[in-house]
Protein backbone atom coordinates (compact mmCIF):
# COMPACT_ATOMS: atom_id res chain seq x y z
CA MET A 1 18.15 -169.31 -167.45
CA LEU A 2 18.74 -168.91 -163.73
CA THR A 3 17.76 -165.68 -162.02
CA THR A 4 21.40 -165.12 -161.08
CA ASP A 5 22.20 -165.00 -164.81
CA VAL A 6 19.76 -162.14 -165.42
CA LEU A 7 21.83 -159.52 -163.58
CA PRO A 8 25.08 -160.07 -165.52
CA LEU A 9 23.12 -160.10 -168.79
CA ALA A 10 21.42 -156.83 -167.89
CA GLN A 11 24.78 -155.31 -167.02
CA LEU A 12 26.25 -156.50 -170.29
CA ASP A 13 23.29 -155.02 -172.16
CA ARG A 14 23.98 -151.66 -170.48
CA VAL A 15 27.65 -151.87 -171.45
CA ILE A 16 26.69 -152.59 -175.05
CA ALA A 17 24.22 -149.67 -175.10
CA GLY A 18 26.89 -147.34 -173.72
CA TYR A 19 29.38 -148.58 -176.29
CA LYS A 20 26.90 -147.88 -179.09
CA LEU A 21 26.54 -144.33 -177.81
CA ARG A 22 30.31 -143.86 -177.72
CA ILE A 23 30.55 -145.10 -181.32
CA GLN A 24 27.94 -142.55 -182.42
CA GLN A 25 29.91 -139.81 -180.67
CA GLN A 26 33.13 -140.98 -182.32
CA ARG A 27 31.45 -140.85 -185.75
CA ILE A 28 30.49 -137.24 -185.12
CA HIS A 29 33.99 -136.44 -183.89
CA ALA A 30 35.59 -138.04 -186.97
CA ARG A 31 33.34 -136.01 -189.30
CA GLU A 32 34.19 -132.78 -187.48
CA LEU A 33 37.89 -133.34 -188.16
CA SER A 34 37.52 -133.03 -191.93
CA ALA A 35 39.77 -129.95 -191.91
CA ASN A 36 42.65 -132.00 -190.53
CA PRO A 37 43.09 -135.21 -192.56
CA MET A 38 45.72 -136.66 -190.22
CA GLN A 39 43.54 -136.37 -187.12
CA GLN A 40 40.48 -137.54 -189.07
CA LYS A 41 42.34 -140.67 -190.18
CA HIS A 42 43.28 -141.38 -186.55
CA ALA A 43 39.69 -140.84 -185.38
CA GLN A 44 38.41 -143.17 -188.11
CA ALA A 45 40.90 -145.85 -187.06
CA GLU A 46 39.64 -145.55 -183.49
CA LEU A 47 36.09 -145.87 -184.79
CA VAL A 48 36.94 -149.10 -186.61
CA ALA A 49 38.52 -150.49 -183.43
CA MET A 50 35.45 -149.52 -181.41
CA GLN A 51 33.14 -151.22 -183.91
CA ALA A 52 35.24 -154.39 -183.70
CA GLY A 53 35.00 -154.25 -179.92
CA LEU A 54 31.22 -153.88 -180.12
CA ALA A 55 31.01 -156.91 -182.41
CA LYS A 56 32.96 -158.93 -179.83
CA LEU A 57 30.67 -157.78 -177.02
CA LYS A 58 27.60 -158.73 -179.04
CA LEU A 59 29.08 -162.15 -179.81
CA PHE A 60 29.87 -162.68 -176.13
CA ARG A 61 26.32 -161.64 -175.23
CA LYS A 62 24.89 -164.05 -177.78
CA ARG A 63 26.93 -166.94 -176.37
CA LEU A 64 25.60 -166.27 -172.87
CA THR A 65 21.99 -166.77 -173.91
């Protein structure tokens, strides 16, 4: 791997770490909405979309190495 490749990989790793944190926060948020089933369902749908996005980022990261 070239040294110029290291910087984008490190940046991508930071993006992935931040995305993981946002997913954890979304899980907490979805659980807190148990009193309102409609909002909880929406929050869970957002969580599923975020997890799919994380999977794509991880796949992209894997292809770069």
